PDB file of N, CA and C in Angstrom:
ATOM      1  N   MET A   1     -20.226  -4.279  90.344  1.00  0.00           N
ATOM      2  CA  MET A   1     -21.111  -5.022  91.231  1.00  0.00           C
ATOM      3  C   MET A   1     -20.403  -5.310  92.555  1.00  0.00           C
ATOM      4  N   ASN A   2     -19.961  -4.260  93.220  1.00  0.00           N
ATOM      5  CA  ASN A   2     -19.312  -4.386  94.528  1.00  0.00           C
ATOM      6  C   ASN A   2     -18.110  -5.314  94.498  1.00  0.00           C
ATOM      7  N   ASP A   3     -17.315  -5.225  93.441  1.00  0.00           N
ATOM      8  CA  ASP A   3     -16.098  -6.041  93.298  1.00  0.00           C
ATOM      9  C   ASP A   3     -16.370  -7.540  93.330  1.00  0.00           C
ATOM     10  N   LYS A   4     -17.550  -7.947  92.925  1.00  0.00           N
ATOM     11  CA  LYS A   4     -17.885  -9.367  92.879  1.00  0.00           C
ATOM     12  C   LYS A   4     -18.341  -9.727  91.480  1.00  0.00           C
ATOM     13  N   ALA A   5     -18.080 -10.925  91.094  1.00  0.00           N
ATOM     14  CA  ALA A   5     -18.534 -11.415  89.788  1.00  0.00           C
ATOM     15  C   ALA A   5     -19.899 -12.069  89.947  1.00  0.00           C
ATOM     16  N   ALA A   6     -20.698 -11.953  88.903  1.00  0.00           N
ATOM     17  CA  ALA A   6     -22.016 -12.586  88.915  1.00  0.00           C
ATOM     18  C   ALA A   6     -22.196 -13.359  87.623  1.00  0.00           C
ATOM     19  N   LEU A   7     -22.774 -14.504  87.709  1.00  0.00           N
ATOM     20  CA  LEU A   7     -23.066 -15.332  86.546  1.00  0.00           C
ATOM     21  C   LEU A   7     -24.573 -15.338  86.339  1.00  0.00           C
ATOM     22  N   ILE A   8     -25.000 -14.834  85.177  1.00  0.00           N
ATOM     23  CA  ILE A   8     -26.422 -14.858  84.844  1.00  0.00           C
ATOM     24  C   ILE A   8     -26.675 -16.130  84.056  1.00  0.00           C
ATOM     25  N   ILE A   9     -27.474 -16.982  84.595  1.00  0.00           N
ATOM     26  CA  ILE A   9     -27.736 -18.270  83.965  1.00  0.00           C
ATOM     27  C   ILE A   9     -28.975 -18.222  83.087  1.00  0.00           C
ATOM     28  N   PHE A  10     -29.950 -17.423  83.454  1.00  0.00           N
ATOM     29  CA  PHE A  10     -31.224 -17.463  82.748  1.00  0.00           C
ATOM     30  C   PHE A  10     -31.892 -16.098  82.780  1.00  0.00           C
ATOM     31  N   ILE A  11     -32.454 -15.693  81.645  1.00  0.00           N
ATOM     32  CA  ILE A  11     -33.214 -14.446  81.566  1.00  0.00           C
ATOM     33  C   ILE A  11     -34.552 -14.773  80.908  1.00  0.00           C
ATOM     34  N   GLY A  12     -35.645 -14.302  81.464  1.00  0.00           N
ATOM     35  CA  GLY A  12     -36.956 -14.526  80.867  1.00  0.00           C
ATOM     36  C   GLY A  12     -37.679 -15.701  81.495  1.00  0.00           C
ATOM     37  N   GLU A  13     -38.720 -16.127  80.826  1.00  0.00           N
ATOM     38  CA  GLU A  13     -39.511 -17.243  81.326  1.00  0.00           C
ATOM     39  C   GLU A  13     -39.020 -18.544  80.723  1.00  0.00           C
ATOM     40  N   LYS A  14     -38.985 -19.557  81.513  1.00  0.00           N
ATOM     41  CA  LYS A  14     -38.523 -20.865  81.058  1.00  0.00           C
ATOM     42  C   LYS A  14     -39.688 -21.636  80.447  1.00  0.00           C
ATOM     43  N   ASN A  15     -39.444 -22.187  79.282  1.00  0.00           N
ATOM     44  CA  ASN A  15     -40.436 -23.024  78.614  1.00  0.00           C
ATOM     45  C   ASN A  15     -40.062 -24.479  78.879  1.00  0.00           C
ATOM     46  N   GLU A  16     -40.780 -25.120  79.774  1.00  0.00           N
ATOM     47  CA  GLU A  16     -40.465 -26.499  80.168  1.00  0.00           C
ATOM     48  C   GLU A  16     -40.633 -27.492  79.018  1.00  0.00           C
ATOM     49  N   ASP A  17     -41.450 -27.146  78.014  1.00  0.00           N
ATOM     50  CA  ASP A  17     -41.699 -28.055  76.894  1.00  0.00           C
ATOM     51  C   ASP A  17     -40.666 -27.930  75.780  1.00  0.00           C
ATOM     52  N   PHE A  18     -39.772 -26.945  75.871  1.00  0.00           N
ATOM     53  CA  PHE A  18     -38.799 -26.710  74.801  1.00  0.00           C
ATOM     54  C   PHE A  18     -37.624 -27.675  74.911  1.00  0.00           C
ATOM     55  N   ASP A  19     -37.311 -28.325  73.799  1.00  0.00           N
ATOM     56  CA  ASP A  19     -36.155 -29.216  73.715  1.00  0.00           C
ATOM     57  C   ASP A  19     -35.401 -28.868  72.437  1.00  0.00           C
ATOM     58  N   ILE A  20     -34.213 -28.293  72.575  1.00  0.00           N
ATOM     59  CA  ILE A  20     -33.459 -27.856  71.396  1.00  0.00           C
ATOM     60  C   ILE A  20     -33.112 -29.026  70.480  1.00  0.00           C
ATOM     61  N   ASN A  21     -33.064 -30.229  71.011  1.00  0.00           N
ATOM     62  CA  ASN A  21     -32.759 -31.403  70.189  1.00  0.00           C
ATOM     63  C   ASN A  21     -33.857 -31.697  69.175  1.00  0.00           C
ATOM     64  N   GLU A  22     -35.067 -31.219  69.438  1.00  0.00           N
ATOM     65  CA  GLU A  22     -36.182 -31.443  68.520  1.00  0.00           C
ATOM     66  C   GLU A  22     -36.255 -30.392  67.413  1.00  0.00           C
ATOM     67  N   VAL A  23     -35.460 -29.339  67.522  1.00  0.00           N
ATOM     68  CA  VAL A  23     -35.500 -28.252  66.548  1.00  0.00           C
ATOM     69  C   VAL A  23     -34.860 -28.660  65.232  1.00  0.00           C
ATOM     70  N   GLY A  24     -33.884 -29.529  65.277  1.00  0.00           N
ATOM     71  CA  GLY A  24     -33.195 -29.945  64.057  1.00  0.00           C
ATOM     72  C   GLY A  24     -31.936 -29.141  63.831  1.00  0.00           C
ATOM     73  N   LYS A  25     -31.416 -29.232  62.633  1.00  0.00           N
ATOM     74  CA  LYS A  25     -30.179 -28.550  62.288  1.00  0.00           C
ATOM     75  C   LYS A  25     -30.486 -27.359  61.391  1.00  0.00           C
ATOM     76  N   PRO A  26     -29.545 -26.393  61.325  1.00  0.00           N
ATOM     77  CA  PRO A  26     -29.737 -25.267  60.397  1.00  0.00           C
ATOM     78  C   PRO A  26     -29.908 -25.775  58.970  1.00  0.00           C
ATOM     79  N   LYS A  27     -30.770 -25.108  58.199  1.00  0.00           N
ATOM     80  CA  LYS A  27     -31.098 -25.590  56.857  1.00  0.00           C
ATOM     81  C   LYS A  27     -30.123 -25.114  55.791  1.00  0.00           C
ATOM     82  N   LEU A  28     -29.460 -23.985  56.003  1.00  0.00           N
ATOM     83  CA  LEU A  28     -28.553 -23.436  54.995  1.00  0.00           C
ATOM     84  C   LEU A  28     -27.099 -23.746  55.331  1.00  0.00           C
ATOM     85  N   SER A  29     -26.346 -24.189  54.328  1.00  0.00           N
ATOM     86  CA  SER A  29     -24.903 -24.314  54.504  1.00  0.00           C
ATOM     87  C   SER A  29     -24.300 -22.916  54.404  1.00  0.00           C
ATOM     88  N   ASP A  30     -23.044 -22.770  54.778  1.00  0.00           N
ATOM     89  CA  ASP A  30     -22.384 -21.465  54.672  1.00  0.00           C
ATOM     90  C   ASP A  30     -22.382 -20.969  53.233  1.00  0.00           C
ATOM     91  N   GLU A  31     -22.060 -21.844  52.293  1.00  0.00           N
ATOM     92  CA  GLU A  31     -21.992 -21.436  50.886  1.00  0.00           C
ATOM     93  C   GLU A  31     -23.362 -21.033  50.349  1.00  0.00           C
ATOM     94  N   GLU A  32     -24.402 -21.769  50.744  1.00  0.00           N
ATOM     95  CA  GLU A  32     -25.758 -21.410  50.315  1.00  0.00           C
ATOM     96  C   GLU A  32     -26.168 -20.052  50.886  1.00  0.00           C
ATOM     97  N   ALA A  33     -25.824 -19.817  52.145  1.00  0.00           N
ATOM     98  CA  ALA A  33     -26.169 -18.545  52.784  1.00  0.00           C
ATOM     99  C   ALA A  33     -25.448 -17.381  52.108  1.00  0.00           C
ATOM    100  N   LYS A  34     -24.178 -17.570  51.767  1.00  0.00           N
ATOM    101  CA  LYS A  34     -23.414 -16.516  51.084  1.00  0.00           C
ATOM    102  C   LYS A  34     -24.023 -16.206  49.720  1.00  0.00           C
ATOM    103  N   ARG A  35     -24.350 -17.238  48.973  1.00  0.00           N
ATOM    104  CA  ARG A  35     -24.948 -17.057  47.644  1.00  0.00           C
ATOM    105  C   ARG A  35     -26.303 -16.357  47.757  1.00  0.00           C
ATOM    106  N   LYS A  36     -27.102 -16.794  48.715  1.00  0.00           N
ATOM    107  CA  LYS A  36     -28.431 -16.214  48.909  1.00  0.00           C
ATOM    108  C   LYS A  36     -28.337 -14.731  49.291  1.00  0.00           C
ATOM    109  N   ALA A  37     -27.330 -14.366  50.081  1.00  0.00           N
ATOM    110  CA  ALA A  37     -27.145 -12.968  50.478  1.00  0.00           C
ATOM    111  C   ALA A  37     -26.800 -12.102  49.272  1.00  0.00           C
ATOM    112  N   ILE A  38     -25.922 -12.590  48.410  1.00  0.00           N
ATOM    113  CA  ILE A  38     -25.548 -11.837  47.208  1.00  0.00           C
ATOM    114  C   ILE A  38     -26.760 -11.662  46.303  1.00  0.00           C
ATOM    115  N   GLU A  39     -27.545 -12.719  46.143  1.00  0.00           N
ATOM    116  CA  GLU A  39     -28.759 -12.636  45.322  1.00  0.00           C
ATOM    117  C   GLU A  39     -29.760 -11.646  45.920  1.00  0.00           C
ATOM    118  N   ALA A  40     -29.914 -11.670  47.240  1.00  0.00           N
ATOM    119  CA  ALA A  40     -30.869 -10.772  47.901  1.00  0.00           C
ATOM    120  C   ALA A  40     -30.446  -9.310  47.759  1.00  0.00           C
ATOM    121  N   ASP A  41     -29.143  -9.057  47.782  1.00  0.00           N
ATOM    122  CA  ASP A  41     -28.656  -7.678  47.642  1.00  0.00           C
ATOM    123  C   ASP A  41     -28.890  -7.150  46.232  1.00  0.00           C
ATOM    124  N   GLY A  42     -28.670  -7.994  45.238  1.00  0.00           N
ATOM    125  CA  GLY A  42     -28.919  -7.602  43.857  1.00  0.00           C
ATOM    126  C   GLY A  42     -27.884  -6.673  43.245  1.00  0.00           C
ATOM    127  N   TYR A  43     -26.710  -6.569  43.865  1.00  0.00           N
ATOM    128  CA  TYR A  43     -25.663  -5.705  43.318  1.00  0.00           C
ATOM    129  C   TYR A  43     -24.812  -6.464  42.307  1.00  0.00           C
ATOM    130  N   ASP A  44     -24.209  -5.707  41.394  1.00  0.00           N
ATOM    131  CA  ASP A  44     -23.298  -6.294  40.413  1.00  0.00           C
ATOM    132  C   ASP A  44     -21.877  -5.793  40.685  1.00  0.00           C
ATOM    133  N   TYR A  45     -21.511  -5.731  41.960  1.00  0.00           N
ATOM    134  CA  TYR A  45     -20.183  -5.272  42.356  1.00  0.00           C
ATOM    135  C   TYR A  45     -19.336  -6.455  42.806  1.00  0.00           C
ATOM    136  N   LYS A  46     -18.036  -6.218  42.888  1.00  0.00           N
ATOM    137  CA  LYS A  46     -17.116  -7.258  43.354  1.00  0.00           C
ATOM    138  C   LYS A  46     -17.327  -7.470  44.854  1.00  0.00           C
ATOM    139  N   VAL A  47     -17.384  -8.738  45.265  1.00  0.00           N
ATOM    140  CA  VAL A  47     -17.497  -9.078  46.680  1.00  0.00           C
ATOM    141  C   VAL A  47     -16.090  -9.137  47.259  1.00  0.00           C
ATOM    142  N   ASP A  48     -15.836  -8.330  48.290  1.00  0.00           N
ATOM    143  CA  ASP A  48     -14.529  -8.317  48.941  1.00  0.00           C
ATOM    144  C   ASP A  48     -14.432  -9.434  49.972  1.00  0.00           C
ATOM    145  N   GLU A  49     -15.464  -9.556  50.809  1.00  0.00           N
ATOM    146  CA  GLU A  49     -15.479 -10.630  51.802  1.00  0.00           C
ATOM    147  C   GLU A  49     -16.894 -10.834  52.326  1.00  0.00           C
ATOM    148  N   GLN A  50     -17.096 -11.990  52.935  1.00  0.00           N
ATOM    149  CA  GLN A  50     -18.378 -12.298  53.576  1.00  0.00           C
ATOM    150  C   GLN A  50     -18.099 -12.956  54.917  1.00  0.00           C
ATOM    151  N   ARG A  51     -18.891 -12.573  55.921  1.00  0.00           N
ATOM    152  CA  ARG A  51     -18.784 -13.152  57.256  1.00  0.00           C
ATOM    153  C   ARG A  51     -20.148 -13.702  57.657  1.00  0.00           C
ATOM    154  N   ILE A  52     -20.120 -14.820  58.350  1.00  0.00           N
ATOM    155  CA  ILE A  52     -21.365 -15.470  58.769  1.00  0.00           C
ATOM    156  C   ILE A  52     -21.375 -15.626  60.283  1.00  0.00           C
ATOM    157  N   GLN A  53     -22.517 -15.299  60.872  1.00  0.00           N
ATOM    158  CA  GLN A  53     -22.751 -15.574  62.285  1.00  0.00           C
ATOM    159  C   GLN A  53     -24.038 -16.374  62.388  1.00  0.00           C
ATOM    160  N   ARG A  54     -23.977 -17.433  63.145  1.00  0.00           N
ATOM    161  CA  ARG A  54     -25.160 -18.275  63.337  1.00  0.00           C
ATOM    162  C   ARG A  54     -25.581 -18.211  64.799  1.00  0.00           C
ATOM    163  N   TYR A  55     -26.896 -18.227  65.013  1.00  0.00           N
ATOM    164  CA  TYR A  55     -27.414 -18.210  66.371  1.00  0.00           C
ATOM    165  C   TYR A  55     -28.810 -18.815  66.383  1.00  0.00           C
ATOM    166  N   PHE A  56     -29.262 -19.142  67.565  1.00  0.00           N
ATOM    167  CA  PHE A  56     -30.602 -19.686  67.736  1.00  0.00           C
ATOM    168  C   PHE A  56     -31.489 -18.590  68.295  1.00  0.00           C
ATOM    169  N   ASP A  57     -32.585 -18.293  67.614  1.00  0.00           N
ATOM    170  CA  ASP A  57     -33.516 -17.239  68.014  1.00  0.00           C
ATOM    171  C   ASP A  57     -34.599 -17.846  68.905  1.00  0.00           C
ATOM    172  N   MET A  58     -34.578 -17.482  70.165  1.00  0.00           N
ATOM    173  CA  MET A  58     -35.543 -18.041  71.114  1.00  0.00           C
ATOM    174  C   MET A  58     -36.947 -17.475  70.931  1.00  0.00           C
ATOM    175  N   LYS A  59     -37.084 -16.366  70.190  1.00  0.00           N
ATOM    176  CA  LYS A  59     -38.417 -15.795  69.981  1.00  0.00           C
ATOM    177  C   LYS A  59     -39.264 -16.672  69.072  1.00  0.00           C
ATOM    178  N   ASP A  60     -38.660 -17.143  67.972  1.00  0.00           N
ATOM    179  CA  ASP A  60     -39.438 -17.995  67.067  1.00  0.00           C
ATOM    180  C   ASP A  60     -38.886 -19.418  66.983  1.00  0.00           C
ATOM    181  N   LEU A  61     -37.948 -19.736  67.874  1.00  0.00           N
ATOM    182  CA  LEU A  61     -37.387 -21.087  68.008  1.00  0.00           C
ATOM    183  C   LEU A  61     -36.827 -21.625  66.691  1.00  0.00           C
ATOM    184  N   THR A  62     -36.045 -20.796  66.011  1.00  0.00           N
ATOM    185  CA  THR A  62     -35.413 -21.212  64.756  1.00  0.00           C
ATOM    186  C   THR A  62     -33.949 -20.782  64.745  1.00  0.00           C
ATOM    187  N   TYR A  63     -33.173 -21.507  63.947  1.00  0.00           N
ATOM    188  CA  TYR A  63     -31.792 -21.103  63.722  1.00  0.00           C
ATOM    189  C   TYR A  63     -31.775 -19.924  62.762  1.00  0.00           C
ATOM    190  N   LYS A  64     -30.895 -18.978  63.003  1.00  0.00           N
ATOM    191  CA  LYS A  64     -30.723 -17.818  62.131  1.00  0.00           C
ATOM    192  C   LYS A  64     -29.285 -17.802  61.623  1.00  0.00           C
ATOM    193  N   CYS A  65     -29.157 -17.266  60.442  1.00  0.00           N
ATOM    194  CA  CYS A  65     -27.849 -17.135  59.819  1.00  0.00           C
ATOM    195  C   CYS A  65     -27.743 -15.700  59.317  1.00  0.00           C
ATOM    196  N   GLU A  66     -26.844 -14.918  59.911  1.00  0.00           N
ATOM    197  CA  GLU A  66     -26.644 -13.538  59.471  1.00  0.00           C
ATOM    198  C   GLU A  66     -25.396 -13.489  58.599  1.00  0.00           C
ATOM    199  N   VAL A  67     -25.566 -12.969  57.386  1.00  0.00           N
ATOM    200  CA  VAL A  67     -24.461 -12.881  56.438  1.00  0.00           C
ATOM    201  C   VAL A  67     -24.153 -11.412  56.185  1.00  0.00           C
ATOM    202  N   GLU A  68     -22.933 -11.022  56.494  1.00  0.00           N
ATOM    203  CA  GLU A  68     -22.469  -9.667  56.196  1.00  0.00           C
ATOM    204  C   GLU A  68     -21.595  -9.752  54.953  1.00  0.00           C
ATOM    205  N   THR A  69     -21.948  -8.977  53.936  1.00  0.00           N
ATOM    206  CA  THR A  69     -21.220  -8.978  52.671  1.00  0.00           C
ATOM    207  C   THR A  69     -20.598  -7.605  52.456  1.00  0.00           C
ATOM    208  N   VAL A  70     -19.295  -7.591  52.188  1.00  0.00           N
ATOM    209  CA  VAL A  70     -18.578  -6.347  51.903  1.00  0.00           C
ATOM    210  C   VAL A  70     -18.327  -6.293  50.405  1.00  0.00           C
ATOM    211  N   TYR A  71     -18.796  -5.213  49.790  1.00  0.00           N
ATOM    212  CA  TYR A  71     -18.652  -5.011  48.348  1.00  0.00           C
ATOM    213  C   TYR A  71     -17.661  -3.889  48.063  1.00  0.00           C
ATOM    214  N   ILE A  72     -17.106  -3.911  46.842  1.00  0.00           N
ATOM    215  CA  ILE A  72     -16.318  -2.797  46.318  1.00  0.00           C
ATOM    216  C   ILE A  72     -17.073  -2.290  45.098  1.00  0.00           C
ATOM    217  N   ASP A  73     -17.513  -1.020  45.152  1.00  0.00           N
ATOM    218  CA  ASP A  73     -18.280  -0.490  44.022  1.00  0.00           C
ATOM    219  C   ASP A  73     -17.344  -0.026  42.899  1.00  0.00           C
ATOM    220  N   ASN A  74     -17.917   0.504  41.844  1.00  0.00           N
ATOM    221  CA  ASN A  74     -17.142   0.877  40.654  1.00  0.00           C
ATOM    222  C   ASN A  74     -16.149   2.009  40.897  1.00  0.00           C
ATOM    223  N   SER A  75     -16.351   2.794  41.964  1.00  0.00           N
ATOM    224  CA  SER A  75     -15.417   3.878  42.276  1.00  0.00           C
ATOM    225  C   SER A  75     -14.339   3.437  43.262  1.00  0.00           C
ATOM    226  N   GLY A  76     -14.390   2.165  43.684  1.00  0.00           N
ATOM    227  CA  GLY A  76     -13.401   1.640  44.627  1.00  0.00           C
ATOM    228  C   GLY A  76     -13.790   1.798  46.082  1.00  0.00           C
ATOM    229  N   SER A  77     -14.988   2.283  46.340  1.00  0.00           N
ATOM    230  CA  SER A  77     -15.463   2.444  47.718  1.00  0.00           C
ATOM    231  C   SER A  77     -16.003   1.119  48.246  1.00  0.00           C
ATOM    232  N   TYR A  78     -15.827   0.907  49.538  1.00  0.00           N
ATOM    233  CA  TYR A  78     -16.316  -0.297  50.200  1.00  0.00           C
ATOM    234  C   TYR A  78     -17.629   0.013  50.906  1.00  0.00           C
ATOM    235  N   PHE A  79     -18.547  -0.946  50.875  1.00  0.00           N
ATOM    236  CA  PHE A  79     -19.765  -0.838  51.680  1.00  0.00           C
ATOM    237  C   PHE A  79     -20.220  -2.247  52.028  1.00  0.00           C
ATOM    238  N   ALA A  80     -20.989  -2.341  53.098  1.00  0.00           N
ATOM    239  CA  ALA A  80     -21.413  -3.655  53.582  1.00  0.00           C
ATOM    240  C   ALA A  80     -22.930  -3.733  53.692  1.00  0.00           C
ATOM    241  N   THR A  81     -23.433  -4.943  53.511  1.00  0.00           N
ATOM    242  CA  THR A  81     -24.850  -5.225  53.719  1.00  0.00           C
ATOM    243  C   THR A  81     -24.965  -6.369  54.715  1.00  0.00           C
ATOM    244  N   SER A  82     -26.144  -6.522  55.289  1.00  0.00           N
ATOM    245  CA  SER A  82     -26.391  -7.606  56.225  1.00  0.00           C
ATOM    246  C   SER A  82     -27.740  -8.234  55.900  1.00  0.00           C
ATOM    247  N   ASN A  83     -27.755  -9.551  55.815  1.00  0.00           N
ATOM    248  CA  ASN A  83     -28.993 -10.293  55.562  1.00  0.00           C
ATOM    249  C   ASN A  83     -29.122 -11.390  56.606  1.00  0.00           C
ATOM    250  N   ILE A  84     -30.341 -11.589  57.082  1.00  0.00           N
ATOM    251  CA  ILE A  84     -30.602 -12.650  58.055  1.00  0.00           C
ATOM    252  C   ILE A  84     -31.567 -13.644  57.434  1.00  0.00           C
ATOM    253  N   PHE A  85     -31.162 -14.898  57.462  1.00  0.00           N
ATOM    254  CA  PHE A  85     -31.990 -15.982  56.911  1.00  0.00           C
ATOM    255  C   PHE A  85     -32.286 -16.992  57.997  1.00  0.00           C
TER     256      PHE A  85
END
């Protein structure tokens, strides 16, 4: 950008009636989200690790929790799944 820095403060249309303080807190704890992800996957493999990312979705004005679960299957291969709650 012509050797200049730019700060983008806002993208899209502003909703003047939106107040994030009225949205509340996320409903799932980290442990609940991890358990729910394993149940949703339905695998009977060993869980190697789980990572959680939380964010606020401006499209439906809700908190989201993305859980990535890494499994080790019976042959020793690793694979990952992702669930969003």
